Every structure is written in C-alpha cells, then in structure tokens.
Amino acid sequence: MSALIICTTCADGRGQALLEAVENEALARDLPLAIQGQACLAACRQSCTVALQGAGKHSYVFGQLAPDEACVDALLAVAGQHAEPGEGLLPWDRRPERLKTGLVARLPPLR
C-alpha cells in the first residue's frame, strides 16, 4: 500500500487545505489510500509539498502544489500508480501532467 503524506504547515494554510481536499476526494472515490498530514516536510521553498511512500518502494517528494482540483486529481492518480506491484517507480511519461514538474526528491527503497 502507498501513503500520501501532506505537509500541513505549508504556505499559510494551503497545505492543510490540500490535505482536506485530497482526503475528501479519496473518500468520495472510495479509494483505499493512506493519507496523513505532517507538520513540516522541510521543503518550504517548494511549498506546498507532498511525500509518497510505500514499503519496498521508491519514495517521492513533490512540491509547488496547490489545493486545487488539478493537484488533487494528479496526487490520487500518481498514488494509484505507486501502489501497483513493483518498486514504485514513477516514470516521467506516466506521471500526471501536473506532477511532471516540481519533483523535489526520489529516494530508493530500503533494502
């Protein structure tokens, strides 16, 4: 399973708004996705930021996001891709358009 971790202290409340928007849309779509807020992901110059993690998978940090429909849709889509069998690699050409920019980091899975 993959998890989205959304910075709740980003950009004067926009991070919290993004968290709530993602949670509401995942609930509306009945998606089995772990979503949690985290006070400060320490990527303040890239705010709003979201991390994507899963056991045995590459971890990602995306920045320059906003609590809008395009970001919410992109985050839910990429979380679905990340949850697919494998190491969680998200090739650039498969990522939603909104997440083709703003990548802060990709970390390899722990071995």
PDB file of N, CA and C in Angstrom:
ATOM      1  N   MET A   1       0.837  -1.174   0.000  1.00  0.00           N
ATOM      2  CA  MET A   1       0.000   0.000   0.000  1.00  0.00           C
ATOM      3  C   MET A   1       0.884   1.240   0.000  1.00  0.00           C
ATOM      4  N   SER A   2       0.435   2.267  -0.659  1.00  0.00           N
ATOM      5  CA  SER A   2       1.136   3.539  -0.707  1.00  0.00           C
ATOM      6  C   SER A   2       0.453   4.529   0.223  1.00  0.00           C
ATOM      7  N   ALA A   3       1.210   5.516   0.645  1.00  0.00           N
ATOM      8  CA  ALA A   3       0.679   6.550   1.525  1.00  0.00           C
ATOM      9  C   ALA A   3       1.092   7.918   1.026  1.00  0.00           C
ATOM     10  N   LEU A   4       0.158   8.849   1.071  1.00  0.00           N
ATOM     11  CA  LEU A   4       0.436  10.243   0.784  1.00  0.00           C
ATOM     12  C   LEU A   4       0.602  10.973   2.113  1.00  0.00           C
ATOM     13  N   ILE A   5       1.688  11.683   2.257  1.00  0.00           N
ATOM     14  CA  ILE A   5       1.929  12.483   3.447  1.00  0.00           C
ATOM     15  C   ILE A   5       1.976  13.937   2.989  1.00  0.00           C
ATOM     16  N   ILE A   6       1.058  14.729   3.489  1.00  0.00           N
ATOM     17  CA  ILE A   6       0.886  16.097   3.017  1.00  0.00           C
ATOM     18  C   ILE A   6       1.296  17.073   4.119  1.00  0.00           C
ATOM     19  N   CYS A   7       2.174  18.000   3.765  1.00  0.00           N
ATOM     20  CA  CYS A   7       2.642  18.995   4.728  1.00  0.00           C
ATOM     21  C   CYS A   7       1.473  19.907   5.105  1.00  0.00           C
ATOM     22  N   THR A   8       1.176  19.952   6.380  1.00  0.00           N
ATOM     23  CA  THR A   8       0.040  20.758   6.845  1.00  0.00           C
ATOM     24  C   THR A   8       0.432  22.181   7.200  1.00  0.00           C
ATOM     25  N   THR A   9       1.726  22.463   7.260  1.00  0.00           N
ATOM     26  CA  THR A   9       2.153  23.813   7.644  1.00  0.00           C
ATOM     27  C   THR A   9       2.625  24.629   6.442  1.00  0.00           C
ATOM     28  N   CYS A  10       2.498  24.106   5.254  1.00  0.00           N
ATOM     29  CA  CYS A  10       2.921  24.809   4.043  1.00  0.00           C
ATOM     30  C   CYS A  10       2.021  26.002   3.737  1.00  0.00           C
ATOM     31  N   ALA A  11       2.656  27.072   3.335  1.00  0.00           N
ATOM     32  CA  ALA A  11       2.028  28.181   2.632  1.00  0.00           C
ATOM     33  C   ALA A  11       0.764  28.734   3.280  1.00  0.00           C
ATOM     34  N   ASP A  12       0.893  29.140   4.526  1.00  0.00           N
ATOM     35  CA  ASP A  12      -0.207  29.840   5.196  1.00  0.00           C
ATOM     36  C   ASP A  12      -1.551  29.138   5.090  1.00  0.00           C
ATOM     37  N   GLY A  13      -1.561  27.859   5.395  1.00  0.00           N
ATOM     38  CA  GLY A  13      -2.821  27.112   5.417  1.00  0.00           C
ATOM     39  C   GLY A  13      -3.155  26.371   4.139  1.00  0.00           C
ATOM     40  N   ARG A  14      -2.438  26.623   3.062  1.00  0.00           N
ATOM     41  CA  ARG A  14      -2.745  25.907   1.817  1.00  0.00           C
ATOM     42  C   ARG A  14      -2.409  24.437   1.918  1.00  0.00           C
ATOM     43  N   GLY A  15      -1.408  24.078   2.720  1.00  0.00           N
ATOM     44  CA  GLY A  15      -1.073  22.665   2.919  1.00  0.00           C
ATOM     45  C   GLY A  15      -2.210  21.928   3.609  1.00  0.00           C
ATOM     46  N   GLN A  16      -2.769  22.529   4.643  1.00  0.00           N
ATOM     47  CA  GLN A  16      -3.912  21.934   5.338  1.00  0.00           C
ATOM     48  C   GLN A  16      -5.105  21.832   4.398  1.00  0.00           C
ATOM     49  N   ALA A  17      -5.320  22.840   3.578  1.00  0.00           N
ATOM     50  CA  ALA A  17      -6.417  22.809   2.607  1.00  0.00           C
ATOM     51  C   ALA A  17      -6.200  21.698   1.583  1.00  0.00           C
ATOM     52  N   LEU A  18      -4.949  21.491   1.156  1.00  0.00           N
ATOM     53  CA  LEU A  18      -4.647  20.406   0.219  1.00  0.00           C
ATOM     54  C   LEU A  18      -4.924  19.060   0.864  1.00  0.00           C
ATOM     55  N   LEU A  19      -4.500  18.884   2.112  1.00  0.00           N
ATOM     56  CA  LEU A  19      -4.782  17.642   2.832  1.00  0.00           C
ATOM     57  C   LEU A  19      -6.280  17.358   2.862  1.00  0.00           C
ATOM     58  N   GLU A  20      -7.064  18.330   3.239  1.00  0.00           N
ATOM     59  CA  GLU A  20      -8.518  18.142   3.324  1.00  0.00           C
ATOM     60  C   GLU A  20      -9.130  17.846   1.965  1.00  0.00           C
ATOM     61  N   ALA A  21      -8.661  18.518   0.925  1.00  0.00           N
ATOM     62  CA  ALA A  21      -9.187  18.276  -0.424  1.00  0.00           C
ATOM     63  C   ALA A  21      -8.872  16.863  -0.897  1.00  0.00           C
ATOM     64  N   VAL A  22      -7.641  16.398  -0.641  1.00  0.00           N
ATOM     65  CA  VAL A  22      -7.243  15.039  -1.040  1.00  0.00           C
ATOM     66  C   VAL A  22      -8.043  14.007  -0.249  1.00  0.00           C
ATOM     67  N   GLU A  23      -8.163  14.212   1.050  1.00  0.00           N
ATOM     68  CA  GLU A  23      -8.946  13.281   1.875  1.00  0.00           C
ATOM     69  C   GLU A  23     -10.397  13.204   1.400  1.00  0.00           C
ATOM     70  N   ASN A  24     -11.002  14.339   1.141  1.00  0.00           N
ATOM     71  CA  ASN A  24     -12.406  14.357   0.706  1.00  0.00           C
ATOM     72  C   ASN A  24     -12.600  13.669  -0.638  1.00  0.00           C
ATOM     73  N   GLU A  25     -11.695  13.914  -1.564  1.00  0.00           N
ATOM     74  CA  GLU A  25     -11.827  13.303  -2.892  1.00  0.00           C
ATOM     75  C   GLU A  25     -11.554  11.809  -2.837  1.00  0.00           C
ATOM     76  N   ALA A  26     -10.576  11.379  -2.055  1.00  0.00           N
ATOM     77  CA  ALA A  26     -10.308   9.939  -1.906  1.00  0.00           C
ATOM     78  C   ALA A  26     -11.513   9.245  -1.294  1.00  0.00           C
ATOM     79  N   LEU A  27     -12.144   9.884  -0.327  1.00  0.00           N
ATOM     80  CA  LEU A  27     -13.349   9.329   0.293  1.00  0.00           C
ATOM     81  C   LEU A  27     -14.491   9.260  -0.717  1.00  0.00           C
ATOM     82  N   ALA A  28     -14.662  10.310  -1.491  1.00  0.00           N
ATOM     83  CA  ALA A  28     -15.723  10.342  -2.499  1.00  0.00           C
ATOM     84  C   ALA A  28     -15.533   9.262  -3.562  1.00  0.00           C
ATOM     85  N   ARG A  29     -14.286   8.954  -3.880  1.00  0.00           N
ATOM     86  CA  ARG A  29     -13.976   7.928  -4.888  1.00  0.00           C
ATOM     87  C   ARG A  29     -13.830   6.542  -4.265  1.00  0.00           C
ATOM     88  N   ASP A  30     -13.929   6.453  -2.956  1.00  0.00           N
ATOM     89  CA  ASP A  30     -13.793   5.202  -2.220  1.00  0.00           C
ATOM     90  C   ASP A  30     -12.442   4.538  -2.512  1.00  0.00           C
ATOM     91  N   LEU A  31     -11.377   5.336  -2.453  1.00  0.00           N
ATOM     92  CA  LEU A  31     -10.035   4.835  -2.727  1.00  0.00           C
ATOM     93  C   LEU A  31      -9.384   4.323  -1.452  1.00  0.00           C
ATOM     94  N   PRO A  32      -8.804   3.139  -1.496  1.00  0.00           N
ATOM     95  CA  PRO A  32      -8.095   2.594  -0.329  1.00  0.00           C
ATOM     96  C   PRO A  32      -6.677   3.154  -0.266  1.00  0.00           C
ATOM     97  N   LEU A  33      -6.560   4.368   0.227  1.00  0.00           N
ATOM     98  CA  LEU A  33      -5.284   5.066   0.237  1.00  0.00           C
ATOM     99  C   LEU A  33      -5.038   5.654   1.620  1.00  0.00           C
ATOM    100  N   ALA A  34      -3.852   5.413   2.156  1.00  0.00           N
ATOM    101  CA  ALA A  34      -3.477   6.029   3.423  1.00  0.00           C
ATOM    102  C   ALA A  34      -3.066   7.472   3.144  1.00  0.00           C
ATOM    103  N   ILE A  35      -3.706   8.387   3.843  1.00  0.00           N
ATOM    104  CA  ILE A  35      -3.424   9.816   3.697  1.00  0.00           C
ATOM    105  C   ILE A  35      -3.205  10.368   5.094  1.00  0.00           C
ATOM    106  N   GLN A  36      -2.125  11.102   5.259  1.00  0.00           N
ATOM    107  CA  GLN A  36      -1.886  11.688   6.581  1.00  0.00           C
ATOM    108  C   GLN A  36      -1.259  13.058   6.436  1.00  0.00           C
ATOM    109  N   GLY A  37      -1.502  13.890   7.412  1.00  0.00           N
ATOM    110  CA  GLY A  37      -0.870  15.193   7.481  1.00  0.00           C
ATOM    111  C   GLY A  37       0.406  15.098   8.290  1.00  0.00           C
ATOM    112  N   GLN A  38       1.351  15.962   7.968  1.00  0.00           N
ATOM    113  CA  GLN A  38       2.615  16.025   8.691  1.00  0.00           C
ATOM    114  C   GLN A  38       3.009  17.488   8.821  1.00  0.00           C
ATOM    115  N   ALA A  39       3.251  17.917  10.034  1.00  0.00           N
ATOM    116  CA  ALA A  39       3.719  19.285  10.234  1.00  0.00           C
ATOM    117  C   ALA A  39       5.151  19.396   9.724  1.00  0.00           C
ATOM    118  N   CYS A  40       5.327  20.079   8.649  1.00  0.00           N
ATOM    119  CA  CYS A  40       6.601  20.435   8.022  1.00  0.00           C
ATOM    120  C   CYS A  40       7.356  19.236   7.432  1.00  0.00           C
ATOM    121  N   LEU A  41       7.432  19.229   6.126  1.00  0.00           N
ATOM    122  CA  LEU A  41       8.262  18.261   5.409  1.00  0.00           C
ATOM    123  C   LEU A  41       9.624  18.861   5.062  1.00  0.00           C
ATOM    124  N   ALA A  42       9.897  20.071   5.572  1.00  0.00           N
ATOM    125  CA  ALA A  42      11.198  20.737   5.417  1.00  0.00           C
ATOM    126  C   ALA A  42      11.583  20.995   3.958  1.00  0.00           C
ATOM    127  N   ALA A  43      10.607  21.306   3.153  1.00  0.00           N
ATOM    128  CA  ALA A  43      10.858  21.707   1.765  1.00  0.00           C
ATOM    129  C   ALA A  43      10.124  23.024   1.516  1.00  0.00           C
ATOM    130  N   CYS A  44      10.293  23.950   2.432  1.00  0.00           N
ATOM    131  CA  CYS A  44       9.499  25.185   2.470  1.00  0.00           C
ATOM    132  C   CYS A  44       9.603  26.017   1.193  1.00  0.00           C
ATOM    133  N   ARG A  45      10.726  25.997   0.551  1.00  0.00           N
ATOM    134  CA  ARG A  45      10.877  26.772  -0.693  1.00  0.00           C
ATOM    135  C   ARG A  45      10.095  26.153  -1.843  1.00  0.00           C
ATOM    136  N   GLN A  46       9.599  24.942  -1.654  1.00  0.00           N
ATOM    137  CA  GLN A  46       8.849  24.228  -2.690  1.00  0.00           C
ATOM    138  C   GLN A  46       7.368  24.078  -2.336  1.00  0.00           C
ATOM    139  N   SER A  47       6.899  24.791  -1.332  1.00  0.00           N
ATOM    140  CA  SER A  47       5.547  24.544  -0.811  1.00  0.00           C
ATOM    141  C   SER A  47       4.491  24.814  -1.866  1.00  0.00           C
ATOM    142  N   CYS A  48       3.431  24.085  -1.754  1.00  0.00           N
ATOM    143  CA  CYS A  48       3.013  23.014  -0.861  1.00  0.00           C
ATOM    144  C   CYS A  48       3.702  21.697  -1.270  1.00  0.00           C
ATOM    145  N   THR A  49       4.019  20.871  -0.271  1.00  0.00           N
ATOM    146  CA  THR A  49       4.746  19.645  -0.560  1.00  0.00           C
ATOM    147  C   THR A  49       4.002  18.409  -0.080  1.00  0.00           C
ATOM    148  N   VAL A  50       4.248  17.319  -0.807  1.00  0.00           N
ATOM    149  CA  VAL A  50       3.627  16.026  -0.514  1.00  0.00           C
ATOM    150  C   VAL A  50       4.674  14.942  -0.705  1.00  0.00           C
ATOM    151  N   ALA A  51       4.712  13.990   0.221  1.00  0.00           N
ATOM    152  CA  ALA A  51       5.576  12.818   0.082  1.00  0.00           C
ATOM    153  C   ALA A  51       4.712  11.617  -0.268  1.00  0.00           C
ATOM    154  N   LEU A  52       5.278  10.706  -1.011  1.00  0.00           N
ATOM    155  CA  LEU A  52       4.609   9.463  -1.396  1.00  0.00           C
ATOM    156  C   LEU A  52       5.536   8.323  -1.012  1.00  0.00           C
ATOM    157  N   GLN A  53       5.054   7.423  -0.138  1.00  0.00           N
ATOM    158  CA  GLN A  53       5.882   6.336   0.369  1.00  0.00           C
ATOM    159  C   GLN A  53       5.129   5.019   0.320  1.00  0.00           C
ATOM    160  N   GLY A  54       5.874   3.942   0.321  1.00  0.00           N
ATOM    161  CA  GLY A  54       5.325   2.601   0.422  1.00  0.00           C
ATOM    162  C   GLY A  54       6.433   1.630   0.766  1.00  0.00           C
ATOM    163  N   ALA A  55       6.100   0.603   1.496  1.00  0.00           N
ATOM    164  CA  ALA A  55       7.090  -0.398   1.887  1.00  0.00           C
ATOM    165  C   ALA A  55       7.714  -1.035   0.648  1.00  0.00           C
ATOM    166  N   GLY A  56       9.033  -1.046   0.586  1.00  0.00           N
ATOM    167  CA  GLY A  56       9.741  -1.642  -0.534  1.00  0.00           C
ATOM    168  C   GLY A  56       9.654  -0.850  -1.822  1.00  0.00           C
ATOM    169  N   LYS A  57       9.253   0.416  -1.731  1.00  0.00           N
ATOM    170  CA  LYS A  57       9.061   1.238  -2.926  1.00  0.00           C
ATOM    171  C   LYS A  57       9.900   2.504  -2.846  1.00  0.00           C
ATOM    172  N   HIS A  58      10.174   3.088  -4.014  1.00  0.00           N
ATOM    173  CA  HIS A  58      10.807   4.393  -4.052  1.00  0.00           C
ATOM    174  C   HIS A  58       9.880   5.391  -3.366  1.00  0.00           C
ATOM    175  N   SER A  59      10.474   6.351  -2.678  1.00  0.00           N
ATOM    176  CA  SER A  59       9.714   7.437  -2.065  1.00  0.00           C
ATOM    177  C   SER A  59       9.922   8.698  -2.891  1.00  0.00           C
ATOM    178  N   TYR A  60       8.895   9.513  -2.960  1.00  0.00           N
ATOM    179  CA  TYR A  60       8.933  10.747  -3.738  1.00  0.00           C
ATOM    180  C   TYR A  60       8.501  11.907  -2.872  1.00  0.00           C
ATOM    181  N   VAL A  61       9.049  13.078  -3.159  1.00  0.00           N
ATOM    182  CA  VAL A  61       8.564  14.332  -2.589  1.00  0.00           C
ATOM    183  C   VAL A  61       8.277  15.262  -3.758  1.00  0.00           C
ATOM    184  N   PHE A  62       7.044  15.719  -3.828  1.00  0.00           N
ATOM    185  CA  PHE A  62       6.618  16.669  -4.855  1.00  0.00           C
ATOM    186  C   PHE A  62       6.345  18.010  -4.199  1.00  0.00           C
ATOM    187  N   GLY A  63       6.720  19.075  -4.879  1.00  0.00           N
ATOM    188  CA  GLY A  63       6.484  20.413  -4.371  1.00  0.00           C
ATOM    189  C   GLY A  63       5.780  21.278  -5.397  1.00  0.00           C
ATOM    190  N   GLN A  64       5.582  22.539  -5.020  1.00  0.00           N
ATOM    191  CA  GLN A  64       4.939  23.531  -5.881  1.00  0.00           C
ATOM    192  C   GLN A  64       3.506  23.130  -6.199  1.00  0.00           C
ATOM    193  N   LEU A  65       2.815  22.587  -5.196  1.00  0.00           N
ATOM    194  CA  LEU A  65       1.439  22.146  -5.369  1.00  0.00           C
ATOM    195  C   LEU A  65       0.470  23.174  -4.797  1.00  0.00           C
ATOM    196  N   ALA A  66      -0.789  22.991  -5.076  1.00  0.00           N
ATOM    197  CA  ALA A  66      -1.828  23.897  -4.596  1.00  0.00           C
ATOM    198  C   ALA A  66      -3.071  23.074  -4.257  1.00  0.00           C
ATOM    199  N   PRO A  67      -3.925  23.601  -3.408  1.00  0.00           N
ATOM    200  CA  PRO A  67      -5.151  22.864  -3.060  1.00  0.00           C
ATOM    201  C   PRO A  67      -6.228  23.054  -4.123  1.00  0.00           C
ATOM    202  N   ASP A  68      -5.905  22.659  -5.355  1.00  0.00           N
ATOM    203  CA  ASP A  68      -6.865  22.790  -6.445  1.00  0.00           C
ATOM    204  C   ASP A  68      -7.167  21.424  -7.054  1.00  0.00           C
ATOM    205  N   GLU A  69      -8.167  21.393  -7.899  1.00  0.00           N
ATOM    206  CA  GLU A  69      -8.643  20.136  -8.482  1.00  0.00           C
ATOM    207  C   GLU A  69      -7.557  19.417  -9.281  1.00  0.00           C
ATOM    208  N   ALA A  70      -6.751  20.156 -10.013  1.00  0.00           N
ATOM    209  CA  ALA A  70      -5.690  19.534 -10.827  1.00  0.00           C
ATOM    210  C   ALA A  70      -4.682  18.807  -9.945  1.00  0.00           C
ATOM    211  N   CYS A  71      -4.281  19.417  -8.849  1.00  0.00           N
ATOM    212  CA  CYS A  71      -3.321  18.767  -7.942  1.00  0.00           C
ATOM    213  C   CYS A  71      -3.940  17.567  -7.246  1.00  0.00           C
ATOM    214  N   VAL A  72      -5.161  17.725  -6.784  1.00  0.00           N
ATOM    215  CA  VAL A  72      -5.824  16.613  -6.101  1.00  0.00           C
ATOM    216  C   VAL A  72      -5.937  15.421  -7.035  1.00  0.00           C
ATOM    217  N   ASP A  73      -6.412  15.640  -8.248  1.00  0.00           N
ATOM    218  CA  ASP A  73      -6.534  14.550  -9.224  1.00  0.00           C
ATOM    219  C   ASP A  73      -5.179  13.918  -9.522  1.00  0.00           C
ATOM    220  N   ALA A  74      -4.156  14.750  -9.699  1.00  0.00           N
ATOM    221  CA  ALA A  74      -2.813  14.236 -10.012  1.00  0.00           C
ATOM    222  C   ALA A  74      -2.258  13.414  -8.856  1.00  0.00           C
ATOM    223  N   LEU A  75      -2.437  13.882  -7.633  1.00  0.00           N
ATOM    224  CA  LEU A  75      -1.920  13.144  -6.478  1.00  0.00           C
ATOM    225  C   LEU A  75      -2.615  11.801  -6.315  1.00  0.00           C
ATOM    226  N   LEU A  76      -3.913  11.766  -6.512  1.00  0.00           N
ATOM    227  CA  LEU A  76      -4.629  10.489  -6.395  1.00  0.00           C
ATOM    228  C   LEU A  76      -4.236   9.539  -7.519  1.00  0.00           C
ATOM    229  N   ALA A  77      -4.031  10.072  -8.712  1.00  0.00           N
ATOM    230  CA  ALA A  77      -3.618   9.224  -9.840  1.00  0.00           C
ATOM    231  C   ALA A  77      -2.223   8.650  -9.618  1.00  0.00           C
ATOM    232  N   VAL A  78      -1.295   9.476  -9.180  1.00  0.00           N
ATOM    233  CA  VAL A  78       0.077   9.003  -9.000  1.00  0.00           C
ATOM    234  C   VAL A  78       0.159   8.042  -7.812  1.00  0.00           C
ATOM    235  N   ALA A  79      -0.660   8.241  -6.802  1.00  0.00           N
ATOM    236  CA  ALA A  79      -0.693   7.293  -5.675  1.00  0.00           C
ATOM    237  C   ALA A  79      -1.169   5.929  -6.153  1.00  0.00           C
ATOM    238  N   GLY A  80      -2.124   5.907  -7.074  1.00  0.00           N
ATOM    239  CA  GLY A  80      -2.577   4.641  -7.655  1.00  0.00           C
ATOM    240  C   GLY A  80      -1.478   3.963  -8.445  1.00  0.00           C
ATOM    241  N   GLN A  81      -0.714   4.730  -9.209  1.00  0.00           N
ATOM    242  CA  GLN A  81       0.416   4.168  -9.956  1.00  0.00           C
ATOM    243  C   GLN A  81       1.468   3.620  -8.996  1.00  0.00           C
ATOM    244  N   HIS A  82       1.742   4.356  -7.947  1.00  0.00           N
ATOM    245  CA  HIS A  82       2.755   3.964  -6.974  1.00  0.00           C
ATOM    246  C   HIS A  82       2.368   2.663  -6.272  1.00  0.00           C
ATOM    247  N   ALA A  83       1.089   2.448  -6.070  1.00  0.00           N
ATOM    248  CA  ALA A  83       0.597   1.255  -5.369  1.00  0.00           C
ATOM    249  C   ALA A  83       0.637  -0.005  -6.235  1.00  0.00           C
ATOM    250  N   GLU A  84       0.848   0.146  -7.530  1.00  0.00           N
ATOM    251  CA  GLU A  84       0.923  -1.015  -8.409  1.00  0.00           C
ATOM    252  C   GLU A  84       2.092  -1.909  -7.986  1.00  0.00           C
ATOM    253  N   PRO A  85       2.043  -3.199  -8.311  1.00  0.00           N
ATOM    254  CA  PRO A  85       3.164  -4.088  -7.956  1.00  0.00           C
ATOM    255  C   PRO A  85       4.480  -3.553  -8.517  1.00  0.00           C
ATOM    256  N   GLY A  86       5.532  -3.739  -7.759  1.00  0.00           N
ATOM    257  CA  GLY A  86       6.852  -3.287  -8.190  1.00  0.00           C
ATOM    258  C   GLY A  86       7.471  -2.365  -7.168  1.00  0.00           C
ATOM    259  N   GLU A  87       8.519  -1.681  -7.591  1.00  0.00           N
ATOM    260  CA  GLU A  87       9.282  -0.832  -6.695  1.00  0.00           C
ATOM    261  C   GLU A  87       8.772   0.598  -6.608  1.00  0.00           C
ATOM    262  N   GLY A  88       7.639   0.884  -7.213  1.00  0.00           N
ATOM    263  CA  GLY A  88       7.053   2.210  -7.092  1.00  0.00           C
ATOM    264  C   GLY A  88       7.697   3.275  -7.947  1.00  0.00           C
ATOM    265  N   LEU A  89       8.419   2.874  -8.976  1.00  0.00           N
ATOM    266  CA  LEU A  89       8.990   3.874  -9.876  1.00  0.00           C
ATOM    267  C   LEU A  89       7.880   4.587 -10.635  1.00  0.00           C
ATOM    268  N   LEU A  90       8.015   5.891 -10.751  1.00  0.00           N
ATOM    269  CA  LEU A  90       7.022   6.708 -11.454  1.00  0.00           C
ATOM    270  C   LEU A  90       7.687   7.377 -12.646  1.00  0.00           C
ATOM    271  N   PRO A  91       7.764   6.667 -13.770  1.00  0.00           N
ATOM    272  CA  PRO A  91       8.411   7.259 -14.942  1.00  0.00           C
ATOM    273  C   PRO A  91       7.749   8.588 -15.316  1.00  0.00           C
ATOM    274  N   TRP A  92       8.558   9.520 -15.739  1.00  0.00           N
ATOM    275  CA  TRP A  92       8.080  10.859 -16.079  1.00  0.00           C
ATOM    276  C   TRP A  92       6.911  10.814 -17.064  1.00  0.00           C
ATOM    277  N   ASP A  93       6.994   9.955 -18.072  1.00  0.00           N
ATOM    278  CA  ASP A  93       5.951   9.929 -19.098  1.00  0.00           C
ATOM    279  C   ASP A  93       4.635   9.319 -18.619  1.00  0.00           C
ATOM    280  N   ARG A  94       4.630   8.650 -17.473  1.00  0.00           N
ATOM    281  CA  ARG A  94       3.387   8.099 -16.913  1.00  0.00           C
ATOM    282  C   ARG A  94       2.771   9.000 -15.852  1.00  0.00           C
ATOM    283  N   ARG A  95       3.536   9.966 -15.379  1.00  0.00           N
ATOM    284  CA  ARG A  95       3.023  10.850 -14.337  1.00  0.00           C
ATOM    285  C   ARG A  95       1.957  11.780 -14.890  1.00  0.00           C
ATOM    286  N   PRO A  96       0.986  12.127 -14.063  1.00  0.00           N
ATOM    287  CA  PRO A  96       0.023  13.147 -14.487  1.00  0.00           C
ATOM    288  C   PRO A  96       0.768  14.438 -14.843  1.00  0.00           C
ATOM    289  N   GLU A  97       0.250  15.162 -15.778  1.00  0.00           N
ATOM    290  CA  GLU A  97       0.903  16.378 -16.274  1.00  0.00           C
ATOM    291  C   GLU A  97       1.306  17.314 -15.131  1.00  0.00           C
ATOM    292  N   ARG A  98       0.458  17.468 -14.158  1.00  0.00           N
ATOM    293  CA  ARG A  98       0.709  18.390 -13.043  1.00  0.00           C
ATOM    294  C   ARG A  98       1.921  17.968 -12.199  1.00  0.00           C
ATOM    295  N   LEU A  99       2.314  16.696 -12.251  1.00  0.00           N
ATOM    296  CA  LEU A  99       3.444  16.218 -11.456  1.00  0.00           C
ATOM    297  C   LEU A  99       4.693  15.932 -12.289  1.00  0.00           C
ATOM    298  N   LYS A 100       4.711  16.430 -13.513  1.00  0.00           N
ATOM    299  CA  LYS A 100       5.915  16.300 -14.331  1.00  0.00           C
ATOM    300  C   LYS A 100       6.941  17.368 -13.966  1.00  0.00           C
ATOM    301  N   THR A 101       6.511  18.347 -13.201  1.00  0.00           N
ATOM    302  CA  THR A 101       7.409  19.351 -12.651  1.00  0.00           C
ATOM    303  C   THR A 101       7.228  19.348 -11.136  1.00  0.00           C
ATOM    304  N   GLY A 102       8.136  19.972 -10.450  1.00  0.00           N
ATOM    305  CA  GLY A 102       8.010  20.092  -9.002  1.00  0.00           C
ATOM    306  C   GLY A 102       8.527  18.904  -8.210  1.00  0.00           C
ATOM    307  N   LEU A 103       9.228  17.979  -8.859  1.00  0.00           N
ATOM    308  CA  LEU A 103       9.796  16.853  -8.106  1.00  0.00           C
ATOM    309  C   LEU A 103      10.956  17.375  -7.268  1.00  0.00           C
ATOM    310  N   VAL A 104      10.876  17.181  -5.958  1.00  0.00           N
ATOM    311  CA  VAL A 104      11.911  17.628  -5.036  1.00  0.00           C
ATOM    312  C   VAL A 104      12.933  16.508  -4.820  1.00  0.00           C
ATOM    313  N   ALA A 105      12.445  15.269  -4.659  1.00  0.00           N
ATOM    314  CA  ALA A 105      13.354  14.147  -4.401  1.00  0.00           C
ATOM    315  C   ALA A 105      12.705  12.826  -4.740  1.00  0.00           C
ATOM    316  N   ARG A 106      13.565  11.871  -5.108  1.00  0.00           N
ATOM    317  CA  ARG A 106      13.159  10.467  -5.228  1.00  0.00           C
ATOM    318  C   ARG A 106      14.208   9.668  -4.460  1.00  0.00           C
ATOM    319  N   LEU A 107      13.747   8.876  -3.525  1.00  0.00           N
ATOM    320  CA  LEU A 107      14.640   8.076  -2.695  1.00  0.00           C
ATOM    321  C   LEU A 107      14.419   6.601  -2.991  1.00  0.00           C
ATOM    322  N   PRO A 108      15.499   5.813  -3.045  1.00  0.00           N
ATOM    323  CA  PRO A 108      15.344   4.387  -3.329  1.00  0.00           C
ATOM    324  C   PRO A 108      14.699   3.668  -2.141  1.00  0.00           C
ATOM    325  N   PRO A 109      14.113   2.497  -2.405  1.00  0.00           N
ATOM    326  CA  PRO A 109      13.548   1.723  -1.317  1.00  0.00           C
ATOM    327  C   PRO A 109      14.644   1.219  -0.379  1.00  0.00           C
ATOM    328  N   LEU A 110      14.288   1.057   0.877  1.00  0.00           N
ATOM    329  CA  LEU A 110      15.218   0.443   1.826  1.00  0.00           C
ATOM    330  C   LEU A 110      15.366  -1.030   1.483  1.00  0.00           C
ATOM    331  N   ARG A 111      16.543  -1.542   1.597  1.00  0.00           N
ATOM    332  CA  ARG A 111      16.792  -2.947   1.298  1.00  0.00           C
ATOM    333  C   ARG A 111      17.242  -3.657   2.546  1.00  0.00           C
TER     334      ARG A 111
END
